[in-house]
Structures are given as structure tokens and as C-alpha cells.
Amino acid sequence: MNRIALTGGPSAGKSTALRHLDATCGHSLALVPEAATLLLQGGFPAPDEQYPWSIDWQRNFQLAIAMTQIALEQTIETRAATNGQGIAVCDRGLADGAAYLPGGLNELSELIGYSKSSILGRYDFVIHLTSSVTHSSGYQKHTNVHRFEEAEEARKLEERTLEAWADHPKRLILDIEDSTTRNQSVAQAITEFA
């Protein structure tokens, strides 16, 4: 089973690209949803006025995301193998969590008990979609109700996500503003990888 991480900063079009893949070639791909969104939709307590964001909350959230991500990947890949699907495409990868921790990949590695090389090595191919914060159309915070970041924070997370994956040997960066072209480019990159 080959595993592909579809990564990028906030509002990069990852979930949209995954929906496009599902509609166009879902039968041949196993699709792994974003763990953070599943956790927040499932009731993981988000920061609010009474309980504001803290680094302790962030670390706990990243630990929950990482463990959920690992379990999702393993479960979906087991099912995919019985369906004859040879590629799993993940909405974010394990290294994405490093962007949300002050210590980056080193801190994530320590937090979850995986070496940096094993975090990056979980994925055969990484496709990084640049965040809308880098495009003339601007940042689209409203496209996900679980998106907390303002534009400046989204810009920093875009940079930190690029940094987290910098040592992956097979990474493609797609800086495409138009969503139709971006989705087609993601599908083409996966086809060429396969």
C-alpha cells in the first residue's frame, strides 16, 4: 500500500481536492479524512472564551490528532487492501502537527514517541498545496467552521508546514490558485506517482 499525504497550510484546498478525488477516482483510491476535523466534530473541546487556547491544549490536541491519524491510516488501509486499492491519500499527514507546536518536528517526535524519520517515512509521496493566504484571492477562513486561525497565523502555519515536510525525499509543491486546476493537478500527480 502506497501512502500519500495531501498537506498544506490552512485553507489550501486539501479537503476540496480529496472530494474531487473521491468523485473522479474514489474507487481506486483509499481516502483518509482529516483527523483534526473529525475530532472537533466529534466533541473534542475547542478553545473558547471561558477556556482560551493554551500550549497545553495545543499539545493535547496534537497528540489526539496524531493517534487518530495513525489509527485512521491503518484501518482504512486494511480495508483498502481487501478492496484492491493500492494507494491511500491522506487529508494531512502526521508531520503536519509539527506546524502547530513551537518545537516543530522535534517536539512532535517527542510528544508521540516516533522518530522524525519514521514520521516522514510513513508517506511515499507528499503533495503540498499552498494556502489561500499566499494567493491574491485571499484567505478563506469561513470555508471550515473548525478553522481558528486569522490570516497572519495561517501564513505562519503555511511556512511551518512547508518546514515540517522539508526533508521528505519525494515532495511536490503545487502553488495553484484556481481550485479546478489545482484539483486536476493533484489527480494528475497521483496518477503519475502510481
N, C-alpha and C. Protein backbone atom coordinates (compact mmCIF):
# COMPACT_ATOMS: atom_id res chain seq x y z
N MET A 1 0.85 -1.19 0.00
CA MET A 1 0.00 0.00 0.00
C MET A 1 0.89 1.23 0.00
N ASN A 2 0.69 2.10 -0.97
CA ASN A 2 1.39 3.38 -1.01
C ASN A 2 0.54 4.42 -0.30
N ARG A 3 1.21 5.28 0.46
CA ARG A 3 0.50 6.30 1.23
C ARG A 3 0.97 7.68 0.77
N ILE A 4 0.00 8.53 0.46
CA ILE A 4 0.27 9.90 0.02
C ILE A 4 -0.32 10.87 1.03
N ALA A 5 0.48 11.85 1.45
CA ALA A 5 -0.01 12.91 2.32
C ALA A 5 -0.35 14.12 1.46
N LEU A 6 -1.57 14.58 1.58
CA LEU A 6 -2.01 15.81 0.93
C LEU A 6 -1.96 16.87 2.02
N THR A 7 -0.98 17.76 1.92
CA THR A 7 -0.70 18.69 3.01
C THR A 7 -0.75 20.13 2.54
N GLY A 8 -0.56 21.03 3.47
CA GLY A 8 -0.57 22.46 3.19
C GLY A 8 -1.11 23.21 4.38
N GLY A 9 -0.95 24.52 4.36
CA GLY A 9 -1.45 25.34 5.45
C GLY A 9 -2.96 25.42 5.45
N PRO A 10 -3.53 26.19 6.38
CA PRO A 10 -4.99 26.35 6.43
C PRO A 10 -5.54 26.92 5.13
N SER A 11 -6.66 26.41 4.71
CA SER A 11 -7.37 26.89 3.51
C SER A 11 -6.53 26.74 2.25
N ALA A 12 -5.88 25.58 2.12
CA ALA A 12 -5.08 25.31 0.93
C ALA A 12 -5.87 24.54 -0.13
N GLY A 13 -7.02 24.01 0.26
CA GLY A 13 -7.83 23.24 -0.69
C GLY A 13 -7.65 21.74 -0.56
N LYS A 14 -7.11 21.28 0.56
CA LYS A 14 -6.86 19.84 0.75
C LYS A 14 -8.16 19.04 0.76
N SER A 15 -9.11 19.46 1.57
CA SER A 15 -10.38 18.73 1.66
C SER A 15 -11.15 18.80 0.35
N THR A 16 -11.09 19.94 -0.32
CA THR A 16 -11.73 20.08 -1.63
C THR A 16 -11.09 19.14 -2.64
N ALA A 17 -9.78 19.06 -2.63
CA ALA A 17 -9.07 18.15 -3.55
C ALA A 17 -9.43 16.70 -3.25
N LEU A 18 -9.57 16.36 -1.96
CA LEU A 18 -9.94 15.00 -1.59
C LEU A 18 -11.35 14.67 -2.10
N ARG A 19 -12.27 15.62 -1.99
CA ARG A 19 -13.63 15.40 -2.52
C ARG A 19 -13.59 15.20 -4.03
N HIS A 20 -12.75 15.97 -4.72
CA HIS A 20 -12.59 15.81 -6.17
C HIS A 20 -12.05 14.42 -6.49
N LEU A 21 -11.06 13.97 -5.74
CA LEU A 21 -10.50 12.63 -5.95
C LEU A 21 -11.57 11.57 -5.71
N ASP A 22 -12.37 11.76 -4.69
CA ASP A 22 -13.43 10.80 -4.38
C ASP A 22 -14.43 10.71 -5.53
N ALA A 23 -14.77 11.87 -6.11
CA ALA A 23 -15.74 11.90 -7.20
C ALA A 23 -15.18 11.35 -8.50
N THR A 24 -13.89 11.54 -8.73
CA THR A 24 -13.31 11.16 -10.02
C THR A 24 -12.60 9.82 -10.02
N CYS A 25 -12.02 9.43 -8.91
CA CYS A 25 -11.30 8.14 -8.90
C CYS A 25 -11.34 7.49 -7.53
N GLY A 26 -12.42 7.74 -6.79
CA GLY A 26 -12.55 7.20 -5.45
C GLY A 26 -12.51 5.69 -5.37
N HIS A 27 -12.99 5.01 -6.41
CA HIS A 27 -13.00 3.54 -6.40
C HIS A 27 -11.59 2.95 -6.40
N SER A 28 -10.61 3.70 -6.91
CA SER A 28 -9.25 3.16 -6.99
C SER A 28 -8.34 3.68 -5.88
N LEU A 29 -8.83 4.63 -5.09
CA LEU A 29 -8.04 5.21 -4.02
C LEU A 29 -8.75 5.02 -2.68
N ALA A 30 -7.96 4.83 -1.63
CA ALA A 30 -8.50 4.85 -0.27
C ALA A 30 -8.26 6.26 0.26
N LEU A 31 -9.30 6.91 0.72
CA LEU A 31 -9.20 8.30 1.18
C LEU A 31 -9.30 8.37 2.69
N VAL A 32 -8.32 9.04 3.30
CA VAL A 32 -8.25 9.16 4.76
C VAL A 32 -8.64 10.59 5.13
N PRO A 33 -9.73 10.78 5.87
CA PRO A 33 -10.18 12.13 6.21
C PRO A 33 -9.25 12.82 7.21
N GLU A 34 -9.43 14.13 7.35
CA GLU A 34 -8.60 14.91 8.27
C GLU A 34 -8.97 14.60 9.72
N ALA A 35 -8.00 14.15 10.49
CA ALA A 35 -8.24 13.76 11.88
C ALA A 35 -8.69 14.94 12.74
N ALA A 36 -8.10 16.12 12.55
CA ALA A 36 -8.46 17.28 13.38
C ALA A 36 -9.93 17.62 13.24
N THR A 37 -10.43 17.65 12.03
CA THR A 37 -11.84 17.97 11.81
C THR A 37 -12.74 16.90 12.43
N LEU A 38 -12.38 15.63 12.28
CA LEU A 38 -13.18 14.56 12.89
C LEU A 38 -13.24 14.72 14.41
N LEU A 39 -12.10 15.03 15.02
CA LEU A 39 -12.07 15.20 16.47
C LEU A 39 -12.93 16.37 16.92
N LEU A 40 -12.81 17.50 16.24
CA LEU A 40 -13.59 18.68 16.63
C LEU A 40 -15.08 18.46 16.38
N GLN A 41 -15.42 17.81 15.27
CA GLN A 41 -16.83 17.50 15.00
C GLN A 41 -17.37 16.50 16.02
N GLY A 42 -16.49 15.65 16.53
CA GLY A 42 -16.89 14.61 17.47
C GLY A 42 -16.93 15.08 18.92
N GLY A 43 -16.58 16.33 19.17
CA GLY A 43 -16.71 16.85 20.52
C GLY A 43 -15.42 17.15 21.25
N PHE A 44 -14.26 17.00 20.60
CA PHE A 44 -13.02 17.38 21.28
C PHE A 44 -13.16 18.85 21.65
N PRO A 45 -12.92 19.20 22.92
CA PRO A 45 -13.17 20.58 23.36
C PRO A 45 -12.24 21.59 22.68
N ALA A 46 -12.85 22.52 21.97
CA ALA A 46 -12.10 23.58 21.29
C ALA A 46 -11.95 24.77 22.24
N PRO A 47 -10.91 25.56 22.03
CA PRO A 47 -10.77 26.77 22.86
C PRO A 47 -11.98 27.69 22.67
N ASP A 48 -12.34 28.38 23.74
CA ASP A 48 -13.42 29.36 23.66
C ASP A 48 -13.13 30.47 24.66
N GLU A 49 -14.10 31.35 24.88
CA GLU A 49 -13.87 32.49 25.79
C GLU A 49 -13.61 32.03 27.21
N GLN A 50 -14.31 31.01 27.66
CA GLN A 50 -14.14 30.54 29.03
C GLN A 50 -12.85 29.74 29.19
N TYR A 51 -12.50 28.97 28.17
CA TYR A 51 -11.28 28.16 28.19
C TYR A 51 -10.44 28.51 26.96
N PRO A 52 -9.67 29.60 27.05
CA PRO A 52 -8.92 30.06 25.87
C PRO A 52 -7.80 29.10 25.49
N TRP A 53 -7.31 29.30 24.27
CA TRP A 53 -6.20 28.50 23.76
C TRP A 53 -5.04 28.56 24.75
N SER A 54 -4.35 27.43 24.89
CA SER A 54 -3.11 27.37 25.69
C SER A 54 -2.20 26.36 25.02
N ILE A 55 -0.93 26.43 25.34
CA ILE A 55 0.02 25.47 24.76
C ILE A 55 -0.29 24.06 25.25
N ASP A 56 -0.78 23.92 26.46
CA ASP A 56 -1.17 22.59 26.95
C ASP A 56 -2.32 22.03 26.11
N TRP A 57 -3.32 22.89 25.83
CA TRP A 57 -4.42 22.44 24.96
C TRP A 57 -3.86 22.02 23.61
N GLN A 58 -2.97 22.83 23.03
CA GLN A 58 -2.42 22.54 21.70
C GLN A 58 -1.68 21.21 21.69
N ARG A 59 -0.88 20.95 22.71
CA ARG A 59 -0.14 19.68 22.77
C ARG A 59 -1.10 18.50 22.90
N ASN A 60 -2.11 18.64 23.75
CA ASN A 60 -3.09 17.56 23.89
C ASN A 60 -3.84 17.32 22.59
N PHE A 61 -4.19 18.40 21.91
CA PHE A 61 -4.90 18.28 20.64
C PHE A 61 -4.01 17.61 19.59
N GLN A 62 -2.75 18.01 19.52
CA GLN A 62 -1.84 17.40 18.53
C GLN A 62 -1.60 15.92 18.84
N LEU A 63 -1.54 15.56 20.11
CA LEU A 63 -1.40 14.15 20.48
C LEU A 63 -2.64 13.37 20.03
N ALA A 64 -3.82 13.92 20.29
CA ALA A 64 -5.07 13.26 19.87
C ALA A 64 -5.14 13.13 18.35
N ILE A 65 -4.73 14.19 17.64
CA ILE A 65 -4.73 14.15 16.17
C ILE A 65 -3.79 13.05 15.69
N ALA A 66 -2.58 13.00 16.23
CA ALA A 66 -1.59 12.03 15.78
C ALA A 66 -2.07 10.60 15.98
N MET A 67 -2.60 10.30 17.15
CA MET A 67 -3.06 8.94 17.42
C MET A 67 -4.26 8.59 16.54
N THR A 68 -5.15 9.56 16.32
CA THR A 68 -6.29 9.34 15.43
C THR A 68 -5.82 9.13 14.00
N GLN A 69 -4.87 9.95 13.56
CA GLN A 69 -4.32 9.85 12.20
C GLN A 69 -3.73 8.45 11.96
N ILE A 70 -2.93 7.99 12.90
CA ILE A 70 -2.30 6.68 12.77
C ILE A 70 -3.36 5.58 12.69
N ALA A 71 -4.35 5.64 13.58
CA ALA A 71 -5.41 4.63 13.59
C ALA A 71 -6.25 4.68 12.31
N LEU A 72 -6.58 5.88 11.85
CA LEU A 72 -7.34 6.02 10.60
C LEU A 72 -6.57 5.42 9.42
N GLU A 73 -5.30 5.77 9.31
CA GLU A 73 -4.49 5.26 8.21
C GLU A 73 -4.45 3.74 8.22
N GLN A 74 -4.20 3.16 9.39
CA GLN A 74 -4.10 1.70 9.47
C GLN A 74 -5.44 1.03 9.16
N THR A 75 -6.52 1.56 9.70
CA THR A 75 -7.84 0.96 9.49
C THR A 75 -8.28 1.06 8.04
N ILE A 76 -8.15 2.24 7.47
CA ILE A 76 -8.58 2.45 6.08
C ILE A 76 -7.70 1.66 5.12
N GLU A 77 -6.40 1.57 5.40
CA GLU A 77 -5.52 0.80 4.52
C GLU A 77 -5.81 -0.70 4.60
N THR A 78 -6.19 -1.20 5.76
CA THR A 78 -6.57 -2.61 5.88
C THR A 78 -7.80 -2.90 5.03
N ARG A 79 -8.78 -2.02 5.10
CA ARG A 79 -9.98 -2.18 4.28
C ARG A 79 -9.66 -2.03 2.79
N ALA A 80 -8.78 -1.09 2.48
CA ALA A 80 -8.42 -0.84 1.08
C ALA A 80 -7.75 -2.06 0.45
N ALA A 81 -6.94 -2.74 1.23
CA ALA A 81 -6.24 -3.92 0.71
C ALA A 81 -7.24 -4.99 0.28
N THR A 82 -8.33 -5.13 1.03
CA THR A 82 -9.34 -6.13 0.65
C THR A 82 -10.14 -5.69 -0.57
N ASN A 83 -10.15 -4.37 -0.84
CA ASN A 83 -10.87 -3.84 -2.00
C ASN A 83 -9.98 -3.68 -3.23
N GLY A 84 -8.72 -4.05 -3.10
CA GLY A 84 -7.81 -3.92 -4.23
C GLY A 84 -7.31 -2.51 -4.48
N GLN A 85 -7.48 -1.63 -3.51
CA GLN A 85 -6.98 -0.26 -3.65
C GLN A 85 -5.52 -0.23 -3.18
N GLY A 86 -4.65 0.30 -4.02
CA GLY A 86 -3.22 0.28 -3.70
C GLY A 86 -2.65 1.58 -3.21
N ILE A 87 -3.47 2.64 -3.17
CA ILE A 87 -2.98 3.95 -2.74
C ILE A 87 -3.96 4.54 -1.73
N ALA A 88 -3.41 5.02 -0.62
CA ALA A 88 -4.20 5.77 0.37
C ALA A 88 -3.77 7.23 0.29
N VAL A 89 -4.75 8.11 0.14
CA VAL A 89 -4.48 9.55 0.11
C VAL A 89 -5.03 10.15 1.41
N CYS A 90 -4.15 10.77 2.17
CA CYS A 90 -4.50 11.30 3.49
C CYS A 90 -4.68 12.81 3.47
N ASP A 91 -5.79 13.28 4.02
CA ASP A 91 -6.02 14.71 4.20
C ASP A 91 -5.17 15.14 5.39
N ARG A 92 -3.98 15.57 5.10
CA ARG A 92 -2.89 15.89 6.03
C ARG A 92 -2.15 14.61 6.41
N GLY A 93 -0.92 14.79 6.82
CA GLY A 93 -0.10 13.68 7.27
C GLY A 93 0.40 13.96 8.68
N LEU A 94 1.03 12.98 9.26
CA LEU A 94 1.47 13.07 10.65
C LEU A 94 2.37 14.28 10.90
N ALA A 95 3.25 14.61 9.96
CA ALA A 95 4.19 15.73 10.16
C ALA A 95 3.49 17.08 10.21
N ASP A 96 2.25 17.18 9.73
CA ASP A 96 1.53 18.46 9.78
C ASP A 96 1.42 18.99 11.21
N GLY A 97 1.31 18.09 12.17
CA GLY A 97 1.19 18.52 13.56
C GLY A 97 2.37 19.35 14.03
N ALA A 98 3.52 19.16 13.42
CA ALA A 98 4.72 19.92 13.81
C ALA A 98 4.52 21.41 13.59
N ALA A 99 3.72 21.79 12.62
CA ALA A 99 3.48 23.21 12.33
C ALA A 99 2.76 23.91 13.48
N TYR A 100 2.06 23.15 14.30
CA TYR A 100 1.24 23.71 15.36
C TYR A 100 1.92 23.66 16.72
N LEU A 101 3.15 23.19 16.76
CA LEU A 101 3.91 23.09 18.01
C LEU A 101 5.14 23.98 17.93
N PRO A 102 5.45 24.72 19.01
CA PRO A 102 6.59 25.64 18.95
C PRO A 102 7.92 24.94 18.65
N GLY A 103 8.05 23.70 19.06
CA GLY A 103 9.30 22.96 18.82
C GLY A 103 9.32 22.19 17.52
N GLY A 104 8.30 22.38 16.68
CA GLY A 104 8.27 21.77 15.36
C GLY A 104 8.33 20.25 15.38
N LEU A 105 9.04 19.70 14.41
CA LEU A 105 9.10 18.24 14.24
C LEU A 105 9.78 17.57 15.43
N ASN A 106 10.76 18.24 16.04
CA ASN A 106 11.39 17.67 17.23
C ASN A 106 10.38 17.48 18.36
N GLU A 107 9.55 18.49 18.59
CA GLU A 107 8.56 18.41 19.65
C GLU A 107 7.49 17.36 19.33
N LEU A 108 7.05 17.31 18.08
CA LEU A 108 6.06 16.31 17.70
C LEU A 108 6.62 14.91 17.91
N SER A 109 7.86 14.70 17.51
CA SER A 109 8.51 13.41 17.66
C SER A 109 8.53 12.98 19.13
N GLU A 110 8.90 13.89 19.99
CA GLU A 110 8.94 13.59 21.42
C GLU A 110 7.53 13.35 21.98
N LEU A 111 6.57 14.15 21.54
CA LEU A 111 5.20 14.05 22.03
C LEU A 111 4.56 12.71 21.70
N ILE A 112 4.77 12.21 20.48
CA ILE A 112 4.08 10.98 20.06
C ILE A 112 4.95 9.73 20.12
N GLY A 113 6.24 9.89 20.40
CA GLY A 113 7.12 8.73 20.53
C GLY A 113 7.53 8.09 19.22
N TYR A 114 7.55 8.86 18.16
CA TYR A 114 8.01 8.39 16.85
C TYR A 114 9.22 9.22 16.46
N SER A 115 10.20 8.61 15.83
CA SER A 115 11.35 9.38 15.35
C SER A 115 10.92 10.28 14.20
N LYS A 116 11.71 11.33 13.96
CA LYS A 116 11.39 12.22 12.84
C LYS A 116 11.41 11.45 11.53
N SER A 117 12.37 10.55 11.38
CA SER A 117 12.44 9.79 10.12
C SER A 117 11.25 8.85 9.96
N SER A 118 10.73 8.31 11.05
CA SER A 118 9.55 7.43 10.91
C SER A 118 8.28 8.25 10.65
N ILE A 119 8.22 9.47 11.17
CA ILE A 119 7.07 10.34 10.88
C ILE A 119 7.03 10.65 9.39
N LEU A 120 8.16 11.09 8.85
CA LEU A 120 8.22 11.42 7.42
C LEU A 120 8.14 10.17 6.56
N GLY A 121 8.75 9.09 7.02
CA GLY A 121 8.81 7.85 6.25
C GLY A 121 7.49 7.10 6.13
N ARG A 122 6.47 7.53 6.85
CA ARG A 122 5.15 6.90 6.74
C ARG A 122 4.53 7.14 5.37
N TYR A 123 5.04 8.15 4.65
CA TYR A 123 4.42 8.58 3.39
C TYR A 123 5.39 8.39 2.23
N ASP A 124 4.88 7.79 1.17
CA ASP A 124 5.69 7.54 -0.02
C ASP A 124 5.80 8.78 -0.90
N PHE A 125 4.83 9.66 -0.79
CA PHE A 125 4.76 10.85 -1.63
C PHE A 125 4.00 11.91 -0.85
N VAL A 126 4.44 13.16 -0.96
CA VAL A 126 3.79 14.28 -0.28
C VAL A 126 3.43 15.34 -1.32
N ILE A 127 2.17 15.74 -1.32
CA ILE A 127 1.71 16.82 -2.19
C ILE A 127 1.33 17.99 -1.29
N HIS A 128 2.07 19.08 -1.42
CA HIS A 128 1.81 20.27 -0.61
C HIS A 128 1.04 21.28 -1.46
N LEU A 129 -0.16 21.64 -1.00
CA LEU A 129 -0.96 22.68 -1.64
C LEU A 129 -0.74 23.97 -0.86
N THR A 130 -0.38 25.04 -1.55
CA THR A 130 -0.15 26.29 -0.84
C THR A 130 -1.47 26.89 -0.37
N SER A 131 -1.43 27.51 0.78
CA SER A 131 -2.61 28.10 1.40
C SER A 131 -3.12 29.30 0.61
N SER A 132 -4.43 29.53 0.70
CA SER A 132 -5.02 30.69 0.04
C SER A 132 -4.46 32.00 0.58
N VAL A 133 -3.85 31.95 1.75
CA VAL A 133 -3.26 33.15 2.34
C VAL A 133 -2.12 33.69 1.47
N THR A 134 -1.55 32.84 0.62
CA THR A 134 -0.46 33.25 -0.26
C THR A 134 -0.95 33.72 -1.63
N HIS A 135 -2.25 33.63 -1.88
CA HIS A 135 -2.81 33.96 -3.19
C HIS A 135 -3.55 35.30 -3.17
N SER A 136 -3.74 35.85 -4.34
CA SER A 136 -4.42 37.14 -4.46
C SER A 136 -5.89 37.06 -4.03
N SER A 137 -6.48 35.88 -4.12
CA SER A 137 -7.89 35.73 -3.73
C SER A 137 -8.07 35.85 -2.22
N GLY A 138 -6.99 35.68 -1.46
CA GLY A 138 -7.04 35.87 -0.02
C GLY A 138 -7.44 34.64 0.76
N TYR A 139 -7.27 34.75 2.04
CA TYR A 139 -7.51 33.66 3.00
C TYR A 139 -9.00 33.40 3.16
N GLN A 140 -9.37 32.13 3.14
CA GLN A 140 -10.77 31.72 3.22
C GLN A 140 -11.05 31.01 4.54
N LYS A 141 -11.06 31.75 5.64
CA LYS A 141 -11.30 31.16 6.96
C LYS A 141 -12.70 30.54 7.05
N HIS A 142 -13.67 31.13 6.38
CA HIS A 142 -15.07 30.71 6.50
C HIS A 142 -15.37 29.35 5.86
N THR A 143 -14.44 28.78 5.12
CA THR A 143 -14.73 27.52 4.44
C THR A 143 -14.71 26.31 5.37
N ASN A 144 -14.28 26.51 6.62
CA ASN A 144 -14.26 25.42 7.60
C ASN A 144 -14.61 26.01 8.96
N VAL A 145 -15.74 25.59 9.53
CA VAL A 145 -16.18 26.14 10.81
C VAL A 145 -15.21 25.83 11.94
N HIS A 146 -14.34 24.85 11.74
CA HIS A 146 -13.37 24.48 12.77
C HIS A 146 -12.01 25.13 12.53
N ARG A 147 -11.96 26.14 11.69
CA ARG A 147 -10.70 26.85 11.41
C ARG A 147 -10.64 28.05 12.36
N PHE A 148 -9.61 28.09 13.21
CA PHE A 148 -9.48 29.14 14.22
C PHE A 148 -8.59 30.30 13.76
N GLU A 149 -7.70 30.03 12.83
CA GLU A 149 -6.60 30.95 12.54
C GLU A 149 -7.03 32.17 11.74
N GLU A 150 -6.51 33.32 12.14
CA GLU A 150 -6.63 34.53 11.34
C GLU A 150 -5.55 34.48 10.27
N ALA A 151 -5.58 35.43 9.32
CA ALA A 151 -4.69 35.39 8.15
C ALA A 151 -3.21 35.33 8.52
N GLU A 152 -2.76 36.13 9.46
CA GLU A 152 -1.33 36.14 9.80
C GLU A 152 -0.89 34.80 10.39
N GLU A 153 -1.72 34.23 11.25
CA GLU A 153 -1.40 32.92 11.82
C GLU A 153 -1.42 31.85 10.72
N ALA A 154 -2.36 31.94 9.80
CA ALA A 154 -2.43 30.99 8.68
C ALA A 154 -1.16 31.07 7.84
N ARG A 155 -0.64 32.27 7.64
CA ARG A 155 0.60 32.45 6.87
C ARG A 155 1.77 31.75 7.58
N LYS A 156 1.85 31.92 8.89
CA LYS A 156 2.91 31.26 9.67
C LYS A 156 2.77 29.74 9.60
N LEU A 157 1.54 29.26 9.69
CA LEU A 157 1.31 27.81 9.63
C LEU A 157 1.66 27.25 8.26
N GLU A 158 1.41 28.02 7.20
CA GLU A 158 1.82 27.61 5.85
C GLU A 158 3.33 27.41 5.82
N GLU A 159 4.07 28.39 6.34
CA GLU A 159 5.53 28.30 6.35
C GLU A 159 6.02 27.14 7.21
N ARG A 160 5.39 26.96 8.36
CA ARG A 160 5.81 25.89 9.28
C ARG A 160 5.45 24.50 8.72
N THR A 161 4.37 24.42 7.97
CA THR A 161 4.02 23.14 7.33
C THR A 161 5.04 22.80 6.26
N LEU A 162 5.42 23.78 5.46
CA LEU A 162 6.49 23.56 4.46
C LEU A 162 7.76 23.09 5.15
N GLU A 163 8.09 23.74 6.26
CA GLU A 163 9.29 23.38 7.02
C GLU A 163 9.21 21.96 7.58
N ALA A 164 8.05 21.57 8.08
CA ALA A 164 7.88 20.24 8.68
C ALA A 164 8.17 19.13 7.68
N TRP A 165 7.81 19.35 6.42
CA TRP A 165 7.98 18.32 5.38
C TRP A 165 9.25 18.51 4.55
N ALA A 166 10.07 19.50 4.89
CA ALA A 166 11.22 19.87 4.05
C ALA A 166 12.17 18.71 3.77
N ASP A 167 12.30 17.77 4.68
CA ASP A 167 13.25 16.67 4.50
C ASP A 167 12.64 15.44 3.83
N HIS A 168 11.39 15.53 3.42
CA HIS A 168 10.80 14.37 2.74
C HIS A 168 11.40 14.27 1.34
N PRO A 169 11.87 13.07 0.96
CA PRO A 169 12.57 12.93 -0.32
C PRO A 169 11.69 13.02 -1.56
N LYS A 170 10.39 12.90 -1.41
CA LYS A 170 9.50 12.94 -2.59
C LYS A 170 8.32 13.86 -2.29
N ARG A 171 8.57 15.15 -2.46
CA ARG A 171 7.55 16.15 -2.15
C ARG A 171 7.32 17.03 -3.37
N LEU A 172 6.06 17.26 -3.67
CA LEU A 172 5.65 18.14 -4.76
C LEU A 172 4.90 19.31 -4.16
N ILE A 173 5.30 20.53 -4.51
CA ILE A 173 4.61 21.72 -4.03
C ILE A 173 3.80 22.29 -5.19
N LEU A 174 2.48 22.38 -4.99
CA LEU A 174 1.58 22.92 -6.01
C LEU A 174 1.08 24.29 -5.54
N ASP A 175 1.53 25.33 -6.19
CA ASP A 175 1.11 26.69 -5.88
C ASP A 175 0.15 27.15 -6.97
N ILE A 176 -1.09 26.69 -6.86
CA ILE A 176 -2.10 26.94 -7.90
C ILE A 176 -3.33 27.53 -7.23
N GLU A 177 -3.69 28.74 -7.64
CA GLU A 177 -4.81 29.44 -7.02
C GLU A 177 -6.17 28.89 -7.46
N ASP A 178 -6.34 28.62 -8.73
CA ASP A 178 -7.61 28.14 -9.26
C ASP A 178 -7.91 26.73 -8.77
N SER A 179 -9.05 26.55 -8.11
CA SER A 179 -9.35 25.26 -7.49
C SER A 179 -9.53 24.14 -8.51
N THR A 180 -10.13 24.41 -9.65
CA THR A 180 -10.31 23.37 -10.66
C THR A 180 -8.96 22.88 -11.17
N THR A 181 -8.08 23.80 -11.51
CA THR A 181 -6.75 23.44 -11.99
C THR A 181 -5.96 22.73 -10.89
N ARG A 182 -6.08 23.21 -9.65
CA ARG A 182 -5.38 22.59 -8.52
C ARG A 182 -5.84 21.15 -8.34
N ASN A 183 -7.16 20.92 -8.35
CA ASN A 183 -7.69 19.57 -8.18
C ASN A 183 -7.23 18.64 -9.30
N GLN A 184 -7.23 19.14 -10.53
CA GLN A 184 -6.76 18.34 -11.66
C GLN A 184 -5.27 18.02 -11.52
N SER A 185 -4.50 18.98 -11.02
CA SER A 185 -3.06 18.77 -10.84
C SER A 185 -2.78 17.74 -9.76
N VAL A 186 -3.57 17.75 -8.70
CA VAL A 186 -3.43 16.74 -7.65
C VAL A 186 -3.71 15.36 -8.22
N ALA A 187 -4.82 15.23 -8.95
CA ALA A 187 -5.18 13.94 -9.55
C ALA A 187 -4.10 13.46 -10.52
N GLN A 188 -3.57 14.38 -11.32
CA GLN A 188 -2.51 14.02 -12.27
C GLN A 188 -1.24 13.57 -11.54
N ALA A 189 -0.88 14.28 -10.47
CA ALA A 189 0.32 13.91 -9.71
C ALA A 189 0.18 12.52 -9.11
N ILE A 190 -1.00 12.19 -8.62
CA ILE A 190 -1.24 10.86 -8.04
C ILE A 190 -1.19 9.80 -9.13
N THR A 191 -1.78 10.09 -10.27
CA THR A 191 -1.74 9.15 -11.40
C THR A 191 -0.30 8.89 -11.83
N GLU A 192 0.49 9.94 -11.93
CA GLU A 192 1.89 9.79 -12.33
C GLU A 192 2.69 9.04 -11.27
N PHE A 193 2.36 9.26 -9.99
CA PHE A 193 3.05 8.55 -8.91
C PHE A 193 2.74 7.06 -8.97
N ALA A 194 1.47 6.74 -9.25
CA ALA A 194 1.03 5.34 -9.26
C ALA A 194 1.72 4.60 -10.39
